[in-house]
Amino acid sequence: MEIHRTSSNYRPYPPPRKNVLLLSCMDLRLIDDLVPFMEGDNLSNRYDQLVFAGAALGVIQQDHESWYDVFFQHLDIAVQLHQIQDVYLMEHRDCGAYAKFLGESGKYGDSPAELRREEADHRRFAFQLKDEIAAHCARKIAEGGDPEAWDVHVRCFLMDLRGSVTWLKDDGSDEPF
């Protein structure tokens, strides 16, 4: 489901009530498009931004294994200091890090089939990280952490090169909620 990047009139998910941790890619072409999107969710001055080449794939790839630990260490601090209750995983099209980490399979064309394949790959890695965040938060609760503090929700998005954003729903549908 495509979301207008600057309008808050309609977002197909409940608004975040507390602060957010935004994971995005380092791609220069899209950094400026993230701010209007976050403002559209009423998040001005209410989010931490963590940047990894490849966004979710950057965290879970094996070439730089320490990135995984850095992400989760940052998440821990963000929950403790900024009461983060939501994590936004912002993937983007034409990501050079996908080509770097995945080789030829991380390069995508512009045909409808290639765009679907690209979205499927972004969805796969974003949801893999989403599952790992859920497991991490469950471990924190099992270790005696405050269940309310560690009730962290993850939303996955895919931005195109014009700054338009698609919400990647868990079930793959375009239907709201």
C-alpha atoms as a PDB file:
ATOM      1  CA  MET A   1       0.000   0.000   0.000  1.00  0.00           C
ATOM      2  CA  GLU A   2       1.547   3.291  -1.094  1.00  0.00           C
ATOM      3  CA  ILE A   3       1.705   6.072   1.459  1.00  0.00           C
ATOM      4  CA  HIS A   4       2.050   9.729   0.541  1.00  0.00           C
ATOM      5  CA  ARG A   5       5.367  10.774   2.010  1.00  0.00           C
ATOM      6  CA  THR A   6       4.320  14.194   3.347  1.00  0.00           C
ATOM      7  CA  SER A   7       0.623  13.841   4.095  1.00  0.00           C
ATOM      8  CA  SER A   8      -0.602  12.570   7.412  1.00  0.00           C
ATOM      9  CA  ASN A   9      -4.235  12.559   6.281  1.00  0.00           C
ATOM     10  CA  TYR A  10      -4.293   8.818   5.790  1.00  0.00           C
ATOM     11  CA  ARG A  11      -1.822   6.287   7.023  1.00  0.00           C
ATOM     12  CA  PRO A  12      -3.032   2.679   6.911  1.00  0.00           C
ATOM     13  CA  TYR A  13      -1.692   1.802  10.363  1.00  0.00           C
ATOM     14  CA  PRO A  14      -2.152   3.210  13.862  1.00  0.00           C
ATOM     15  CA  PRO A  15       0.085   6.183  14.620  1.00  0.00           C
ATOM     16  CA  PRO A  16       3.040   5.564  16.892  1.00  0.00           C
ATOM     17  CA  ARG A  17       2.237   6.806  20.389  1.00  0.00           C
ATOM     18  CA  LYS A  18       5.794   7.084  21.614  1.00  0.00           C
ATOM     19  CA  ASN A  19       9.205   7.507  20.060  1.00  0.00           C
ATOM     20  CA  VAL A  20      10.460   5.507  17.088  1.00  0.00           C
ATOM     21  CA  LEU A  21      13.753   4.005  16.004  1.00  0.00           C
ATOM     22  CA  LEU A  22      14.183   4.406  12.238  1.00  0.00           C
ATOM     23  CA  LEU A  23      16.595   2.066  10.466  1.00  0.00           C
ATOM     24  CA  SER A  24      17.444   3.274   6.986  1.00  0.00           C
ATOM     25  CA  CYS A  25      20.077   2.841   4.329  1.00  0.00           C
ATOM     26  CA  MET A  26      22.955   5.240   3.766  1.00  0.00           C
ATOM     27  CA  ASP A  27      21.911   5.972   0.168  1.00  0.00           C
ATOM     28  CA  LEU A  28      22.462   9.671  -0.532  1.00  0.00           C
ATOM     29  CA  ARG A  29      19.513   9.887  -2.901  1.00  0.00           C
ATOM     30  CA  LEU A  30      16.900   9.229  -0.235  1.00  0.00           C
ATOM     31  CA  ILE A  31      18.109  10.758   3.020  1.00  0.00           C
ATOM     32  CA  ASP A  32      16.132  13.985   2.409  1.00  0.00           C
ATOM     33  CA  ASP A  33      12.953  12.031   1.616  1.00  0.00           C
ATOM     34  CA  LEU A  34      12.927  10.329   5.012  1.00  0.00           C
ATOM     35  CA  VAL A  35      12.228  13.507   6.993  1.00  0.00           C
ATOM     36  CA  PRO A  36       8.904  14.358   5.274  1.00  0.00           C
ATOM     37  CA  PHE A  37       7.800  10.752   5.626  1.00  0.00           C
ATOM     38  CA  MET A  38       8.549  10.755   9.353  1.00  0.00           C
ATOM     39  CA  GLU A  39       6.859  14.145   9.752  1.00  0.00           C
ATOM     40  CA  GLY A  40       3.783  12.621   8.072  1.00  0.00           C
ATOM     41  CA  ASP A  41       3.607  10.242  11.051  1.00  0.00           C
ATOM     42  CA  ASN A  42       3.880  13.195  13.465  1.00  0.00           C
ATOM     43  CA  LEU A  43       7.395  12.136  14.427  1.00  0.00           C
ATOM     44  CA  SER A  44       9.289  15.418  14.212  1.00  0.00           C
ATOM     45  CA  ASN A  45      11.940  15.258  16.938  1.00  0.00           C
ATOM     46  CA  ARG A  46      10.518  11.902  18.067  1.00  0.00           C
ATOM     47  CA  TYR A  47      12.767   9.385  16.376  1.00  0.00           C
ATOM     48  CA  ASP A  48      16.288   8.036  16.500  1.00  0.00           C
ATOM     49  CA  GLN A  49      17.816   7.231  13.144  1.00  0.00           C
ATOM     50  CA  LEU A  50      20.276   4.423  12.671  1.00  0.00           C
ATOM     51  CA  VAL A  51      21.876   4.054   9.239  1.00  0.00           C
ATOM     52  CA  PHE A  52      23.364   0.872   7.784  1.00  0.00           C
ATOM     53  CA  ALA A  53      24.244   0.189   4.160  1.00  0.00           C
ATOM     54  CA  GLY A  54      21.377  -2.024   3.019  1.00  0.00           C
ATOM     55  CA  ALA A  55      19.080  -1.190   5.969  1.00  0.00           C
ATOM     56  CA  ALA A  56      17.690  -4.543   7.242  1.00  0.00           C
ATOM     57  CA  LEU A  57      19.998  -6.579   5.014  1.00  0.00           C
ATOM     58  CA  GLY A  58      22.910  -4.516   6.337  1.00  0.00           C
ATOM     59  CA  VAL A  59      22.121  -5.593   9.880  1.00  0.00           C
ATOM     60  CA  ILE A  60      21.774  -9.304   9.123  1.00  0.00           C
ATOM     61  CA  GLN A  61      24.387  -9.819   6.388  1.00  0.00           C
ATOM     62  CA  GLN A  62      27.519 -11.807   7.226  1.00  0.00           C
ATOM     63  CA  ASP A  63      30.278  -9.640   5.674  1.00  0.00           C
ATOM     64  CA  HIS A  64      30.260  -7.275   8.664  1.00  0.00           C
ATOM     65  CA  GLU A  65      28.916  -9.408  11.502  1.00  0.00           C
ATOM     66  CA  SER A  66      29.489  -6.715  14.139  1.00  0.00           C
ATOM     67  CA  TRP A  67      26.735  -4.600  12.548  1.00  0.00           C
ATOM     68  CA  TYR A  68      24.165  -7.019  13.991  1.00  0.00           C
ATOM     69  CA  ASP A  69      25.449  -6.466  17.523  1.00  0.00           C
ATOM     70  CA  VAL A  70      25.668  -2.694  17.017  1.00  0.00           C
ATOM     71  CA  PHE A  71      22.041  -2.564  15.875  1.00  0.00           C
ATOM     72  CA  PHE A  72      20.756  -4.485  18.887  1.00  0.00           C
ATOM     73  CA  GLN A  73      22.950  -2.552  21.316  1.00  0.00           C
ATOM     74  CA  HIS A  74      21.489   0.647  19.897  1.00  0.00           C
ATOM     75  CA  LEU A  75      17.962  -0.753  20.151  1.00  0.00           C
ATOM     76  CA  ASP A  76      18.574  -1.573  23.827  1.00  0.00           C
ATOM     77  CA  ILE A  77      19.736   1.972  24.569  1.00  0.00           C
ATOM     78  CA  ALA A  78      16.912   3.517  22.532  1.00  0.00           C
ATOM     79  CA  VAL A  79      14.303   1.532  24.485  1.00  0.00           C
ATOM     80  CA  GLN A  80      15.918   2.521  27.796  1.00  0.00           C
ATOM     81  CA  LEU A  81      16.640   6.205  27.104  1.00  0.00           C
ATOM     82  CA  HIS A  82      13.975   7.225  24.603  1.00  0.00           C
ATOM     83  CA  GLN A  83      11.152   4.804  25.399  1.00  0.00           C
ATOM     84  CA  ILE A  84      11.135   3.491  21.820  1.00  0.00           C
ATOM     85  CA  GLN A  85       7.936   1.541  21.197  1.00  0.00           C
ATOM     86  CA  ASP A  86       8.122   1.273  17.409  1.00  0.00           C
ATOM     87  CA  VAL A  87      10.868   0.420  14.945  1.00  0.00           C
ATOM     88  CA  TYR A  88      10.535   1.502  11.327  1.00  0.00           C
ATOM     89  CA  LEU A  89      12.602  -0.487   8.837  1.00  0.00           C
ATOM     90  CA  MET A  90      12.928   1.654   5.707  1.00  0.00           C
ATOM     91  CA  GLU A  91      14.186  -0.333   2.733  1.00  0.00           C
ATOM     92  CA  HIS A  92      14.619   1.298  -0.685  1.00  0.00           C
ATOM     93  CA  ARG A  93      14.712   0.373  -4.343  1.00  0.00           C
ATOM     94  CA  ASP A  94      17.941   0.289  -6.373  1.00  0.00           C
ATOM     95  CA  CYS A  95      20.015  -0.342  -3.256  1.00  0.00           C
ATOM     96  CA  GLY A  96      23.706  -0.716  -4.066  1.00  0.00           C
ATOM     97  CA  ALA A  97      24.278  -2.591  -0.807  1.00  0.00           C
ATOM     98  CA  TYR A  98      21.945  -5.349  -2.009  1.00  0.00           C
ATOM     99  CA  ALA A  99      24.181  -5.805  -5.064  1.00  0.00           C
ATOM    100  CA  LYS A 100      27.274  -5.754  -2.832  1.00  0.00           C
ATOM    101  CA  PHE A 101      26.005  -8.268  -0.279  1.00  0.00           C
ATOM    102  CA  LEU A 102      23.955 -10.511  -2.602  1.00  0.00           C
ATOM    103  CA  GLY A 103      25.977 -10.292  -5.815  1.00  0.00           C
ATOM    104  CA  GLU A 104      24.118 -10.640  -9.103  1.00  0.00           C
ATOM    105  CA  SER A 105      20.889 -11.683  -7.385  1.00  0.00           C
ATOM    106  CA  GLY A 106      20.852  -8.278  -5.649  1.00  0.00           C
ATOM    107  CA  LYS A 107      20.681  -6.395  -8.954  1.00  0.00           C
ATOM    108  CA  TYR A 108      17.221  -5.604 -10.280  1.00  0.00           C
ATOM    109  CA  GLY A 109      15.800  -4.358 -13.556  1.00  0.00           C
ATOM    110  CA  ASP A 110      12.823  -2.100 -14.196  1.00  0.00           C
ATOM    111  CA  SER A 111      10.366  -4.655 -15.626  1.00  0.00           C
ATOM    112  CA  PRO A 112       7.274  -5.451 -13.567  1.00  0.00           C
ATOM    113  CA  ALA A 113       8.661  -8.925 -12.804  1.00  0.00           C
ATOM    114  CA  GLU A 114      11.977  -7.473 -11.629  1.00  0.00           C
ATOM    115  CA  LEU A 115      10.228  -4.877  -9.466  1.00  0.00           C
ATOM    116  CA  ARG A 116       8.194  -7.670  -7.841  1.00  0.00           C
ATOM    117  CA  ARG A 117      11.371  -9.702  -7.265  1.00  0.00           C
ATOM    118  CA  GLU A 118      13.079  -6.672  -5.742  1.00  0.00           C
ATOM    119  CA  GLU A 119      10.143  -6.001  -3.415  1.00  0.00           C
ATOM    120  CA  ALA A 120      10.041  -9.682  -2.417  1.00  0.00           C
ATOM    121  CA  ASP A 121      13.730  -9.576  -1.457  1.00  0.00           C
ATOM    122  CA  HIS A 122      13.304  -6.382   0.573  1.00  0.00           C
ATOM    123  CA  ARG A 123      10.251  -7.884   2.236  1.00  0.00           C
ATOM    124  CA  ARG A 124      12.159 -11.094   3.056  1.00  0.00           C
ATOM    125  CA  PHE A 125      15.101  -9.332   4.731  1.00  0.00           C
ATOM    126  CA  ALA A 126      12.957  -6.727   6.491  1.00  0.00           C
ATOM    127  CA  PHE A 127      10.706  -9.432   7.953  1.00  0.00           C
ATOM    128  CA  GLN A 128      13.697 -11.543   8.941  1.00  0.00           C
ATOM    129  CA  LEU A 129      15.027  -8.601  10.951  1.00  0.00           C
ATOM    130  CA  LYS A 130      11.532  -7.915  12.290  1.00  0.00           C
ATOM    131  CA  ASP A 131      11.394 -11.493  13.617  1.00  0.00           C
ATOM    132  CA  GLU A 132      14.838 -11.130  15.177  1.00  0.00           C
ATOM    133  CA  ILE A 133      13.777  -7.891  16.883  1.00  0.00           C
ATOM    134  CA  ALA A 134      10.698  -9.670  18.282  1.00  0.00           C
ATOM    135  CA  ALA A 135      12.878 -12.521  19.592  1.00  0.00           C
ATOM    136  CA  HIS A 136      15.331 -10.029  21.124  1.00  0.00           C
ATOM    137  CA  CYS A 137      12.517  -8.189  22.919  1.00  0.00           C
ATOM    138  CA  ALA A 138      11.052 -11.489  24.155  1.00  0.00           C
ATOM    139  CA  ARG A 139      14.480 -12.400  25.577  1.00  0.00           C
ATOM    140  CA  LYS A 140      14.662  -9.042  27.362  1.00  0.00           C
ATOM    141  CA  ILE A 141      11.288  -9.731  28.984  1.00  0.00           C
ATOM    142  CA  ALA A 142      12.337 -13.298  29.911  1.00  0.00           C
ATOM    143  CA  GLU A 143      15.467 -11.843  31.545  1.00  0.00           C
ATOM    144  CA  GLY A 144      13.279  -9.680  33.795  1.00  0.00           C
ATOM    145  CA  GLY A 145      12.830  -6.605  31.609  1.00  0.00           C
ATOM    146  CA  ASP A 146       9.674  -4.524  31.845  1.00  0.00           C
ATOM    147  CA  PRO A 147       7.128  -6.141  29.491  1.00  0.00           C
ATOM    148  CA  GLU A 148       5.620  -2.767  28.635  1.00  0.00           C
ATOM    149  CA  ALA A 149       9.002  -1.263  27.745  1.00  0.00           C
ATOM    150  CA  TRP A 150       9.906  -4.222  25.541  1.00  0.00           C
ATOM    151  CA  ASP A 151       6.549  -4.338  23.734  1.00  0.00           C
ATOM    152  CA  VAL A 152       8.194  -3.023  20.564  1.00  0.00           C
ATOM    153  CA  HIS A 153       6.308  -3.002  17.266  1.00  0.00           C
ATOM    154  CA  VAL A 154       8.061  -3.151  13.898  1.00  0.00           C
ATOM    155  CA  ARG A 155       6.787  -1.701  10.633  1.00  0.00           C
ATOM    156  CA  CYS A 156       8.513  -2.371   7.318  1.00  0.00           C
ATOM    157  CA  PHE A 157       8.529   0.050   4.400  1.00  0.00           C
ATOM    158  CA  LEU A 158       9.983   0.280   0.893  1.00  0.00           C
ATOM    159  CA  MET A 159      10.848   3.680  -0.611  1.00  0.00           C
ATOM    160  CA  ASP A 160      11.284   4.271  -4.321  1.00  0.00           C
ATOM    161  CA  LEU A 161      13.748   6.706  -5.856  1.00  0.00           C
ATOM    162  CA  ARG A 162      11.140   9.485  -5.937  1.00  0.00           C
ATOM    163  CA  GLY A 163      10.504   9.210  -2.205  1.00  0.00           C
ATOM    164  CA  SER A 164       7.168   7.374  -2.400  1.00  0.00           C
ATOM    165  CA  VAL A 165       6.789   4.773   0.301  1.00  0.00           C
ATOM    166  CA  THR A 166       5.048   1.404   0.296  1.00  0.00           C
ATOM    167  CA  TRP A 167       4.056  -0.239   3.569  1.00  0.00           C
ATOM    168  CA  LEU A 168       5.225  -3.850   3.484  1.00  0.00           C
ATOM    169  CA  LYS A 169       2.498  -5.649   5.359  1.00  0.00           C
ATOM    170  CA  ASP A 170       3.178  -9.008   6.973  1.00  0.00           C
ATOM    171  CA  ASP A 171       0.646 -10.816   4.836  1.00  0.00           C
ATOM    172  CA  GLY A 172       1.826  -9.216   1.575  1.00  0.00           C
ATOM    173  CA  SER A 173      -1.562  -7.623   0.910  1.00  0.00           C
ATOM    174  CA  ASP A 174      -2.318  -4.021   0.063  1.00  0.00           C
ATOM    175  CA  GLU A 175      -5.338  -3.939   2.340  1.00  0.00           C
ATOM    176  CA  PRO A 176      -5.218  -1.604   5.369  1.00  0.00           C
ATOM    177  CA  PHE A 177      -4.927  -3.376   8.701  1.00  0.00           C
END
